[in-house]
Amino acid sequence: MLFSVNVAAQNTIKLFDATPVTLSDTSYPWNSITPYVFASKDVYLSCPLGGSSYAYLTGPDNGDLIVDNFFTMNGNSVCPDDWNCFNGVFVMPDQVLGMPMESAYYGVPPIDVSDRLNGSGVYSFVLSDYSYSYGNNDIYLHTSCSLGTYVCHRNKGKAPFKTLAISGNMLAAHLGHGDTEGPCE
């Protein structure tokens, strides 16, 4: 399947701000089943069924993206080789700690995730690492699906409050019982 990022997306959302090159915490036990999650985001997408929707992930300016190591959507890897979302390292990460990921890593081309859209609902995006170093550049989702909104669910005034991704038509009901629009602070 030929994929082009020149397709104009109806909606674009910045999923993740850049995380600079960071050494992994060596006290965290390395475990291939439960990697270290360093960023996650839930997004409500309203997508019609039937394969007419599209979505793709990019770095800044529709360019390459970099994640050391893993990037999942609803628990499944979106990385080209299911292992890394980068195309190699040209400088050892420990030599550029705190610098942007582009200072040490080659990115991967934009990733088409259209085949992972299965109607409307919350889509979970997670960045995780297994060892040594981690980080990412800015990452964007471009999609023909409609985007939902966020509310801070106030749980009837009882802590902890929780940020929920909801469809736009549910906003009035949430505001009506004391939730507030936008993520919880």
N, C-alpha and C. Protein backbone atom coordinates (compact mmCIF):
# COMPACT_ATOMS: atom_id res chain seq x y z
N MET A 1 0.85 -1.18 0.00
CA MET A 1 0.00 0.00 0.00
C MET A 1 0.88 1.23 0.00
N LEU A 2 0.69 2.09 -0.93
CA LEU A 2 1.43 3.35 -1.01
C LEU A 2 0.78 4.34 -0.07
N PHE A 3 1.60 5.01 0.73
CA PHE A 3 1.07 5.96 1.70
C PHE A 3 1.77 7.28 1.51
N SER A 4 0.99 8.34 1.45
CA SER A 4 1.55 9.67 1.27
C SER A 4 1.07 10.59 2.37
N VAL A 5 1.98 11.37 2.97
CA VAL A 5 1.57 12.32 4.00
C VAL A 5 1.08 13.61 3.40
N ASN A 6 0.97 13.68 2.09
CA ASN A 6 0.46 14.89 1.44
C ASN A 6 -1.05 14.98 1.50
N VAL A 7 -1.72 13.91 1.97
CA VAL A 7 -3.16 13.93 2.13
C VAL A 7 -3.49 14.93 3.23
N ALA A 8 -4.42 15.81 2.97
CA ALA A 8 -4.79 16.81 3.97
C ALA A 8 -5.67 16.17 5.03
N ALA A 9 -5.22 16.19 6.27
CA ALA A 9 -6.01 15.64 7.37
C ALA A 9 -7.04 16.67 7.80
N GLN A 10 -8.22 16.20 8.14
CA GLN A 10 -9.23 17.09 8.67
C GLN A 10 -8.81 17.59 10.04
N ASN A 11 -8.20 16.73 10.83
CA ASN A 11 -7.87 17.05 12.22
C ASN A 11 -6.45 16.63 12.55
N THR A 12 -5.77 17.47 13.28
CA THR A 12 -4.42 17.16 13.75
C THR A 12 -4.37 17.47 15.24
N ILE A 13 -3.79 16.54 15.99
CA ILE A 13 -3.62 16.74 17.43
C ILE A 13 -2.19 16.39 17.79
N LYS A 14 -1.59 17.20 18.62
CA LYS A 14 -0.25 16.88 19.12
C LYS A 14 -0.44 15.88 20.26
N LEU A 15 0.05 14.66 20.03
CA LEU A 15 -0.08 13.63 21.05
C LEU A 15 0.94 13.81 22.16
N PHE A 16 2.20 14.08 21.77
CA PHE A 16 3.26 14.14 22.77
C PHE A 16 4.22 15.28 22.48
N ASP A 17 4.58 16.00 23.52
CA ASP A 17 5.69 16.94 23.44
C ASP A 17 6.98 16.14 23.45
N ALA A 18 8.02 16.73 22.93
CA ALA A 18 9.32 16.06 22.88
C ALA A 18 9.83 15.76 24.30
N THR A 19 10.41 14.58 24.44
CA THR A 19 11.13 14.20 25.66
C THR A 19 12.59 14.08 25.24
N PRO A 20 13.49 14.87 25.82
CA PRO A 20 14.89 14.81 25.41
C PRO A 20 15.52 13.47 25.76
N VAL A 21 16.69 13.20 25.20
CA VAL A 21 17.42 11.97 25.49
C VAL A 21 17.64 11.88 27.00
N THR A 22 17.17 10.78 27.57
CA THR A 22 17.24 10.56 29.01
C THR A 22 17.72 9.13 29.25
N LEU A 23 18.65 8.96 30.19
CA LEU A 23 19.08 7.61 30.55
C LEU A 23 18.01 6.95 31.39
N SER A 24 17.78 5.68 31.14
CA SER A 24 16.79 4.93 31.91
C SER A 24 17.27 4.77 33.34
N ASP A 25 16.30 4.69 34.23
CA ASP A 25 16.59 4.47 35.65
C ASP A 25 17.05 3.03 35.82
N THR A 26 18.28 2.85 36.21
CA THR A 26 18.82 1.48 36.33
C THR A 26 18.22 0.73 37.51
N SER A 27 17.52 1.43 38.42
CA SER A 27 16.88 0.73 39.53
C SER A 27 15.56 0.09 39.08
N TYR A 28 15.07 0.51 37.92
CA TYR A 28 13.85 -0.07 37.39
C TYR A 28 14.18 -1.43 36.79
N PRO A 29 13.54 -2.50 37.24
CA PRO A 29 13.89 -3.82 36.72
C PRO A 29 13.53 -3.98 35.25
N TRP A 30 14.50 -4.35 34.44
CA TRP A 30 14.26 -4.57 33.02
C TRP A 30 13.37 -5.77 32.86
N ASN A 31 12.29 -5.60 32.12
CA ASN A 31 11.33 -6.68 31.94
C ASN A 31 10.67 -6.48 30.58
N SER A 32 10.83 -7.44 29.70
CA SER A 32 10.30 -7.30 28.35
C SER A 32 8.78 -7.32 28.30
N ILE A 33 8.13 -7.76 29.37
CA ILE A 33 6.68 -7.82 29.38
C ILE A 33 6.07 -6.51 29.89
N THR A 34 6.74 -5.85 30.81
CA THR A 34 6.23 -4.60 31.37
C THR A 34 7.29 -3.51 31.22
N PRO A 35 7.34 -2.86 30.08
CA PRO A 35 8.33 -1.81 29.88
C PRO A 35 8.02 -0.58 30.73
N TYR A 36 8.99 0.31 30.83
CA TYR A 36 8.84 1.57 31.53
C TYR A 36 8.03 2.52 30.64
N VAL A 37 6.85 2.94 31.09
CA VAL A 37 6.02 3.87 30.34
C VAL A 37 6.44 5.28 30.72
N PHE A 38 6.86 6.07 29.72
CA PHE A 38 7.26 7.44 30.03
C PHE A 38 6.30 8.49 29.48
N ALA A 39 5.32 8.10 28.71
CA ALA A 39 4.28 9.04 28.28
C ALA A 39 3.09 8.25 27.76
N SER A 40 1.89 8.77 28.01
CA SER A 40 0.68 8.13 27.48
C SER A 40 -0.39 9.20 27.28
N LYS A 41 -1.28 8.91 26.36
CA LYS A 41 -2.39 9.85 26.10
C LYS A 41 -3.55 9.07 25.51
N ASP A 42 -4.74 9.38 26.00
CA ASP A 42 -5.98 8.84 25.46
C ASP A 42 -6.65 9.93 24.64
N VAL A 43 -7.15 9.54 23.47
CA VAL A 43 -7.83 10.47 22.57
C VAL A 43 -9.14 9.84 22.15
N TYR A 44 -10.23 10.62 22.25
CA TYR A 44 -11.50 10.13 21.76
C TYR A 44 -11.61 10.48 20.28
N LEU A 45 -11.78 9.45 19.45
CA LEU A 45 -11.96 9.64 18.01
C LEU A 45 -13.33 9.14 17.60
N SER A 46 -14.01 9.93 16.82
CA SER A 46 -15.30 9.53 16.26
C SER A 46 -15.06 9.21 14.79
N CYS A 47 -15.03 7.91 14.50
CA CYS A 47 -14.69 7.42 13.16
C CYS A 47 -15.82 6.55 12.63
N PRO A 48 -16.31 6.81 11.43
CA PRO A 48 -17.33 5.92 10.87
C PRO A 48 -16.72 4.55 10.56
N LEU A 49 -17.53 3.53 10.69
CA LEU A 49 -17.08 2.18 10.34
C LEU A 49 -17.06 2.04 8.82
N GLY A 50 -16.30 1.11 8.32
CA GLY A 50 -16.32 0.82 6.90
C GLY A 50 -15.05 1.17 6.15
N GLY A 51 -14.01 1.55 6.85
CA GLY A 51 -12.73 1.76 6.18
C GLY A 51 -12.53 3.08 5.48
N SER A 52 -13.44 4.03 5.66
CA SER A 52 -13.28 5.31 4.96
C SER A 52 -12.43 6.30 5.76
N SER A 53 -12.12 5.98 7.00
CA SER A 53 -11.32 6.87 7.85
C SER A 53 -9.83 6.58 7.68
N TYR A 54 -9.03 7.60 7.92
CA TYR A 54 -7.59 7.39 7.89
C TYR A 54 -6.95 8.10 9.07
N ALA A 55 -5.76 7.64 9.44
CA ALA A 55 -4.98 8.27 10.49
C ALA A 55 -3.52 7.93 10.26
N TYR A 56 -2.65 8.89 10.54
CA TYR A 56 -1.22 8.63 10.48
C TYR A 56 -0.51 9.45 11.54
N LEU A 57 0.66 8.97 11.93
CA LEU A 57 1.47 9.56 12.98
C LEU A 57 2.74 10.13 12.36
N THR A 58 3.11 11.34 12.79
CA THR A 58 4.31 11.97 12.26
C THR A 58 5.07 12.67 13.37
N GLY A 59 6.28 13.08 13.01
CA GLY A 59 7.04 13.99 13.84
C GLY A 59 6.66 15.41 13.44
N PRO A 60 7.47 16.40 13.84
CA PRO A 60 7.18 17.79 13.49
C PRO A 60 7.13 18.01 11.98
N ASP A 61 6.28 18.91 11.53
CA ASP A 61 6.16 19.29 10.12
C ASP A 61 5.89 18.10 9.20
N ASN A 62 5.06 17.14 9.66
CA ASN A 62 4.74 15.92 8.90
C ASN A 62 5.97 15.07 8.60
N GLY A 63 7.02 15.24 9.38
CA GLY A 63 8.26 14.52 9.13
C GLY A 63 8.41 13.25 9.94
N ASP A 64 9.64 12.74 9.94
CA ASP A 64 9.96 11.51 10.65
C ASP A 64 9.67 11.65 12.15
N LEU A 65 9.35 10.51 12.76
CA LEU A 65 9.17 10.50 14.20
C LEU A 65 10.21 9.61 14.84
N ILE A 66 10.48 9.89 16.10
CA ILE A 66 11.48 9.14 16.85
C ILE A 66 10.91 8.79 18.22
N VAL A 67 10.94 7.51 18.55
CA VAL A 67 10.60 7.05 19.89
C VAL A 67 11.59 5.95 20.25
N ASP A 68 12.27 6.10 21.37
CA ASP A 68 13.13 5.04 21.88
C ASP A 68 12.45 4.52 23.13
N ASN A 69 11.88 3.39 23.07
CA ASN A 69 11.88 2.35 22.08
C ASN A 69 10.53 2.19 21.41
N PHE A 70 9.47 2.08 22.21
CA PHE A 70 8.21 1.57 21.70
C PHE A 70 7.10 2.59 21.69
N PHE A 71 6.22 2.44 20.71
CA PHE A 71 5.06 3.31 20.55
C PHE A 71 3.89 2.38 20.25
N THR A 72 2.89 2.39 21.12
CA THR A 72 1.73 1.52 20.91
C THR A 72 0.46 2.34 20.79
N MET A 73 -0.48 1.76 20.07
CA MET A 73 -1.83 2.31 19.93
C MET A 73 -2.78 1.21 20.35
N ASN A 74 -3.55 1.44 21.40
CA ASN A 74 -4.44 0.43 21.97
C ASN A 74 -3.71 -0.88 22.26
N GLY A 75 -2.49 -0.76 22.77
CA GLY A 75 -1.72 -1.93 23.20
C GLY A 75 -0.94 -2.65 22.13
N ASN A 76 -1.04 -2.21 20.88
CA ASN A 76 -0.33 -2.86 19.78
C ASN A 76 0.72 -1.91 19.20
N SER A 77 1.89 -2.46 18.94
CA SER A 77 2.98 -1.65 18.42
C SER A 77 2.63 -1.03 17.07
N VAL A 78 3.01 0.23 16.90
CA VAL A 78 2.87 0.89 15.60
C VAL A 78 4.23 1.03 14.92
N CYS A 79 5.29 0.63 15.61
CA CYS A 79 6.65 0.77 15.07
C CYS A 79 6.83 -0.13 13.85
N PRO A 80 7.60 0.34 12.88
CA PRO A 80 7.77 -0.44 11.64
C PRO A 80 8.27 -1.86 11.84
N ASP A 81 9.14 -2.07 12.82
CA ASP A 81 9.66 -3.42 13.02
C ASP A 81 9.17 -4.03 14.34
N ASP A 82 8.12 -3.45 14.92
CA ASP A 82 7.54 -3.88 16.20
C ASP A 82 8.51 -3.77 17.37
N TRP A 83 9.67 -3.23 17.16
CA TRP A 83 10.67 -3.15 18.23
C TRP A 83 11.05 -1.71 18.51
N ASN A 84 11.57 -1.00 17.55
CA ASN A 84 12.00 0.38 17.76
C ASN A 84 11.28 1.32 16.80
N CYS A 85 11.01 2.51 17.28
CA CYS A 85 10.48 3.56 16.41
C CYS A 85 11.58 4.57 16.13
N PHE A 86 12.73 4.05 15.74
CA PHE A 86 13.82 4.87 15.24
C PHE A 86 14.65 4.01 14.30
N ASN A 87 15.39 4.65 13.39
CA ASN A 87 16.14 3.94 12.35
C ASN A 87 17.62 3.85 12.64
N GLY A 88 18.00 3.98 13.87
CA GLY A 88 19.41 3.87 14.23
C GLY A 88 19.89 5.08 15.01
N VAL A 89 21.10 4.93 15.52
CA VAL A 89 21.71 5.95 16.35
C VAL A 89 23.00 6.38 15.69
N PHE A 90 23.22 7.69 15.57
CA PHE A 90 24.48 8.15 14.97
C PHE A 90 25.43 8.74 16.01
N VAL A 91 24.96 8.97 17.23
CA VAL A 91 25.79 9.39 18.37
C VAL A 91 25.27 8.60 19.56
N MET A 92 26.14 8.11 20.42
CA MET A 92 25.67 7.38 21.60
C MET A 92 24.82 8.31 22.46
N PRO A 93 23.62 7.86 22.84
CA PRO A 93 22.71 8.72 23.59
C PRO A 93 23.32 9.31 24.86
N ASP A 94 24.20 8.58 25.55
CA ASP A 94 24.77 9.12 26.78
C ASP A 94 25.68 10.31 26.52
N GLN A 95 26.04 10.55 25.26
CA GLN A 95 26.88 11.71 24.91
C GLN A 95 26.04 12.97 24.66
N VAL A 96 24.72 12.81 24.56
CA VAL A 96 23.85 13.95 24.27
C VAL A 96 22.68 14.02 25.24
N LEU A 97 22.90 13.65 26.48
CA LEU A 97 21.82 13.67 27.47
C LEU A 97 21.18 15.06 27.55
N GLY A 98 19.87 15.07 27.60
CA GLY A 98 19.15 16.32 27.69
C GLY A 98 18.93 17.02 26.36
N MET A 99 19.54 16.51 25.31
CA MET A 99 19.41 17.12 23.98
C MET A 99 18.19 16.53 23.27
N PRO A 100 17.71 17.19 22.21
CA PRO A 100 16.60 16.62 21.43
C PRO A 100 16.98 15.27 20.84
N MET A 101 16.00 14.42 20.65
CA MET A 101 16.23 13.08 20.11
C MET A 101 16.93 13.13 18.75
N GLU A 102 16.65 14.17 17.96
CA GLU A 102 17.27 14.31 16.64
C GLU A 102 18.79 14.48 16.72
N SER A 103 19.32 14.76 17.90
CA SER A 103 20.76 14.93 18.05
C SER A 103 21.50 13.60 18.13
N ALA A 104 20.77 12.49 18.23
CA ALA A 104 21.42 11.17 18.32
C ALA A 104 20.75 10.10 17.47
N TYR A 105 19.48 10.27 17.12
CA TYR A 105 18.71 9.20 16.48
C TYR A 105 18.25 9.59 15.07
N TYR A 106 18.19 8.58 14.20
CA TYR A 106 17.52 8.72 12.91
C TYR A 106 16.05 8.35 13.11
N GLY A 107 15.14 9.11 12.51
CA GLY A 107 13.72 8.84 12.66
C GLY A 107 13.20 7.82 11.67
N VAL A 108 11.94 7.45 11.89
CA VAL A 108 11.24 6.57 10.95
C VAL A 108 10.22 7.42 10.20
N PRO A 109 9.91 7.05 8.97
CA PRO A 109 8.92 7.83 8.20
C PRO A 109 7.55 7.81 8.89
N PRO A 110 6.67 8.73 8.53
CA PRO A 110 5.32 8.73 9.09
C PRO A 110 4.69 7.34 9.02
N ILE A 111 3.87 7.04 10.01
CA ILE A 111 3.30 5.70 10.16
C ILE A 111 1.79 5.76 9.93
N ASP A 112 1.33 5.01 8.95
CA ASP A 112 -0.10 4.90 8.65
C ASP A 112 -0.74 3.93 9.65
N VAL A 113 -1.70 4.40 10.43
CA VAL A 113 -2.41 3.55 11.40
C VAL A 113 -3.90 3.44 11.05
N SER A 114 -4.23 3.72 9.81
CA SER A 114 -5.63 3.69 9.38
C SER A 114 -6.29 2.33 9.62
N ASP A 115 -5.53 1.26 9.45
CA ASP A 115 -6.10 -0.08 9.62
C ASP A 115 -6.40 -0.39 11.09
N ARG A 116 -5.99 0.46 12.00
CA ARG A 116 -6.25 0.25 13.43
C ARG A 116 -7.49 1.00 13.91
N LEU A 117 -8.10 1.75 13.02
CA LEU A 117 -9.32 2.46 13.39
C LEU A 117 -10.50 1.50 13.30
N ASN A 118 -11.25 1.40 14.37
CA ASN A 118 -12.38 0.47 14.37
C ASN A 118 -13.63 1.14 14.93
N GLY A 119 -13.92 2.32 14.42
CA GLY A 119 -15.11 3.04 14.87
C GLY A 119 -14.78 4.07 15.93
N SER A 120 -15.80 4.55 16.60
CA SER A 120 -15.64 5.59 17.60
C SER A 120 -15.26 5.02 18.95
N GLY A 121 -14.46 5.77 19.68
CA GLY A 121 -14.06 5.36 21.02
C GLY A 121 -12.76 6.00 21.43
N VAL A 122 -12.28 5.59 22.58
CA VAL A 122 -11.02 6.10 23.12
C VAL A 122 -9.88 5.27 22.55
N TYR A 123 -8.90 5.96 22.01
CA TYR A 123 -7.69 5.32 21.48
C TYR A 123 -6.54 5.72 22.40
N SER A 124 -5.82 4.72 22.89
CA SER A 124 -4.72 4.95 23.84
C SER A 124 -3.39 4.87 23.13
N PHE A 125 -2.57 5.88 23.32
CA PHE A 125 -1.23 5.95 22.74
C PHE A 125 -0.23 5.94 23.89
N VAL A 126 0.78 5.06 23.81
CA VAL A 126 1.75 4.90 24.90
C VAL A 126 3.16 4.86 24.34
N LEU A 127 4.06 5.60 24.97
CA LEU A 127 5.49 5.56 24.67
C LEU A 127 6.17 4.85 25.82
N SER A 128 7.01 3.86 25.50
CA SER A 128 7.67 3.11 26.57
C SER A 128 9.07 2.71 26.16
N ASP A 129 9.83 2.28 27.16
CA ASP A 129 11.24 1.95 26.97
C ASP A 129 11.56 0.67 27.73
N TYR A 130 12.54 -0.06 27.22
CA TYR A 130 12.99 -1.26 27.92
C TYR A 130 14.32 -1.08 28.63
N SER A 131 15.21 -0.24 28.15
CA SER A 131 16.49 -0.09 28.84
C SER A 131 17.36 0.97 28.19
N TYR A 132 18.38 1.38 28.87
CA TYR A 132 19.47 2.27 28.49
C TYR A 132 19.06 3.73 28.37
N SER A 133 18.28 4.09 27.36
CA SER A 133 17.86 5.49 27.22
C SER A 133 16.46 5.53 26.62
N TYR A 134 15.81 6.68 26.78
CA TYR A 134 14.49 6.84 26.21
C TYR A 134 14.27 8.29 25.82
N GLY A 135 13.22 8.51 25.06
CA GLY A 135 12.85 9.85 24.63
C GLY A 135 12.05 9.78 23.34
N ASN A 136 11.63 10.96 22.88
CA ASN A 136 10.87 11.06 21.63
C ASN A 136 10.92 12.50 21.13
N ASN A 137 10.63 12.67 19.85
CA ASN A 137 10.43 14.03 19.35
C ASN A 137 8.93 14.34 19.46
N ASP A 138 8.52 15.57 19.11
CA ASP A 138 7.10 15.88 19.10
C ASP A 138 6.40 14.89 18.18
N ILE A 139 5.22 14.43 18.59
CA ILE A 139 4.49 13.44 17.79
C ILE A 139 3.06 13.92 17.59
N TYR A 140 2.60 13.83 16.34
CA TYR A 140 1.28 14.29 15.95
C TYR A 140 0.46 13.16 15.36
N LEU A 141 -0.85 13.22 15.61
CA LEU A 141 -1.82 12.33 14.97
C LEU A 141 -2.61 13.18 13.99
N HIS A 142 -2.67 12.74 12.74
CA HIS A 142 -3.45 13.39 11.68
C HIS A 142 -4.54 12.39 11.30
N THR A 143 -5.79 12.84 11.29
CA THR A 143 -6.87 11.89 11.04
C THR A 143 -8.08 12.56 10.38
N SER A 144 -8.84 11.75 9.68
CA SER A 144 -10.12 12.21 9.13
C SER A 144 -11.23 12.03 10.15
N CYS A 145 -10.97 11.36 11.27
CA CYS A 145 -11.97 11.18 12.32
C CYS A 145 -12.17 12.50 13.07
N SER A 146 -13.33 12.66 13.64
CA SER A 146 -13.58 13.82 14.50
C SER A 146 -12.93 13.58 15.85
N LEU A 147 -12.41 14.66 16.42
CA LEU A 147 -11.76 14.57 17.73
C LEU A 147 -12.76 14.86 18.83
N GLY A 148 -12.66 14.16 19.93
CA GLY A 148 -13.49 14.42 21.09
C GLY A 148 -12.87 15.54 21.92
N THR A 149 -13.28 15.62 23.14
CA THR A 149 -12.78 16.65 24.04
C THR A 149 -12.42 16.00 25.37
N TYR A 150 -11.81 16.79 26.25
CA TYR A 150 -11.42 16.29 27.56
C TYR A 150 -12.22 16.99 28.65
N VAL A 151 -12.55 16.25 29.69
CA VAL A 151 -13.15 16.83 30.88
C VAL A 151 -12.39 16.32 32.09
N CYS A 152 -12.42 17.14 33.14
CA CYS A 152 -11.89 16.70 34.42
C CYS A 152 -13.09 16.17 35.20
N HIS A 153 -13.14 14.86 35.33
CA HIS A 153 -14.24 14.20 36.04
C HIS A 153 -14.01 14.42 37.53
N ARG A 154 -14.93 15.12 38.16
CA ARG A 154 -14.76 15.56 39.55
C ARG A 154 -15.21 14.53 40.58
N ASN A 155 -15.76 13.41 40.14
CA ASN A 155 -16.12 12.31 41.04
C ASN A 155 -16.94 12.79 42.24
N LYS A 156 -17.92 13.67 41.96
CA LYS A 156 -18.80 14.23 43.00
C LYS A 156 -18.02 14.89 44.12
N GLY A 157 -16.91 15.54 43.73
CA GLY A 157 -16.09 16.28 44.70
C GLY A 157 -15.08 15.45 45.46
N LYS A 158 -15.05 14.15 45.24
CA LYS A 158 -14.11 13.28 45.95
C LYS A 158 -12.86 13.08 45.11
N ALA A 159 -11.70 13.26 45.71
CA ALA A 159 -10.44 13.02 45.01
C ALA A 159 -10.26 11.52 44.88
N PRO A 160 -9.56 11.00 43.93
CA PRO A 160 -8.82 11.76 42.92
C PRO A 160 -9.70 12.10 41.73
N PHE A 161 -9.46 13.27 41.16
CA PHE A 161 -10.12 13.65 39.92
C PHE A 161 -9.45 12.89 38.79
N LYS A 162 -10.15 12.74 37.67
CA LYS A 162 -9.60 11.97 36.55
C LYS A 162 -9.92 12.64 35.23
N THR A 163 -8.91 12.77 34.36
CA THR A 163 -9.13 13.30 33.02
C THR A 163 -9.74 12.22 32.15
N LEU A 164 -10.86 12.55 31.50
CA LEU A 164 -11.55 11.63 30.60
C LEU A 164 -11.57 12.20 29.19
N ALA A 165 -11.37 11.35 28.20
CA ALA A 165 -11.56 11.73 26.79
C ALA A 165 -12.98 11.31 26.43
N ILE A 166 -13.77 12.26 25.95
CA ILE A 166 -15.18 11.98 25.66
C ILE A 166 -15.55 12.49 24.28
N SER A 167 -16.67 12.01 23.76
CA SER A 167 -17.19 12.55 22.50
C SER A 167 -17.79 13.92 22.79
N GLY A 168 -17.80 14.77 21.77
CA GLY A 168 -18.29 16.13 21.92
C GLY A 168 -19.73 16.21 22.40
N ASN A 169 -20.57 15.24 22.00
CA ASN A 169 -21.98 15.31 22.39
C ASN A 169 -22.21 14.92 23.85
N MET A 170 -21.18 14.45 24.55
CA MET A 170 -21.29 14.10 25.97
C MET A 170 -20.87 15.24 26.89
N LEU A 171 -20.35 16.33 26.30
CA LEU A 171 -19.81 17.42 27.10
C LEU A 171 -20.87 18.03 28.01
N ALA A 172 -22.04 18.35 27.51
CA ALA A 172 -23.08 19.00 28.32
C ALA A 172 -23.45 18.15 29.53
N ALA A 173 -23.58 16.85 29.36
CA ALA A 173 -23.93 15.97 30.48
C ALA A 173 -22.85 16.00 31.56
N HIS A 174 -21.59 15.97 31.14
CA HIS A 174 -20.50 16.00 32.12
C HIS A 174 -20.44 17.34 32.85
N LEU A 175 -20.59 18.43 32.11
CA LEU A 175 -20.59 19.74 32.76
C LEU A 175 -21.78 19.88 33.70
N GLY A 176 -22.89 19.24 33.35
CA GLY A 176 -24.11 19.30 34.16
C GLY A 176 -23.97 18.67 35.53
N HIS A 177 -23.08 17.72 35.70
CA HIS A 177 -22.92 17.12 37.03
C HIS A 177 -21.59 17.51 37.70
N GLY A 178 -21.05 18.65 37.28
CA GLY A 178 -19.91 19.23 38.03
C GLY A 178 -18.54 19.01 37.46
N ASP A 179 -18.42 18.26 36.35
CA ASP A 179 -17.10 18.12 35.73
C ASP A 179 -16.73 19.45 35.08
N THR A 180 -15.46 19.62 34.78
CA THR A 180 -15.02 20.84 34.11
C THR A 180 -14.36 20.49 32.79
N GLU A 181 -14.50 21.38 31.81
CA GLU A 181 -13.90 21.13 30.50
C GLU A 181 -12.39 21.26 30.58
N GLY A 182 -11.69 20.38 29.88
CA GLY A 182 -10.24 20.39 29.86
C GLY A 182 -9.68 19.35 30.81
N PRO A 183 -8.38 19.05 30.66
CA PRO A 183 -7.76 18.04 31.52
C PRO A 183 -7.67 18.52 32.97
N CYS A 184 -7.58 17.60 33.91
CA CYS A 184 -7.38 17.94 35.31
C CYS A 184 -5.99 18.53 35.48
N GLU A 185 -5.87 19.49 36.34
CA GLU A 185 -4.55 20.11 36.60
C GLU A 185 -3.76 19.22 37.54
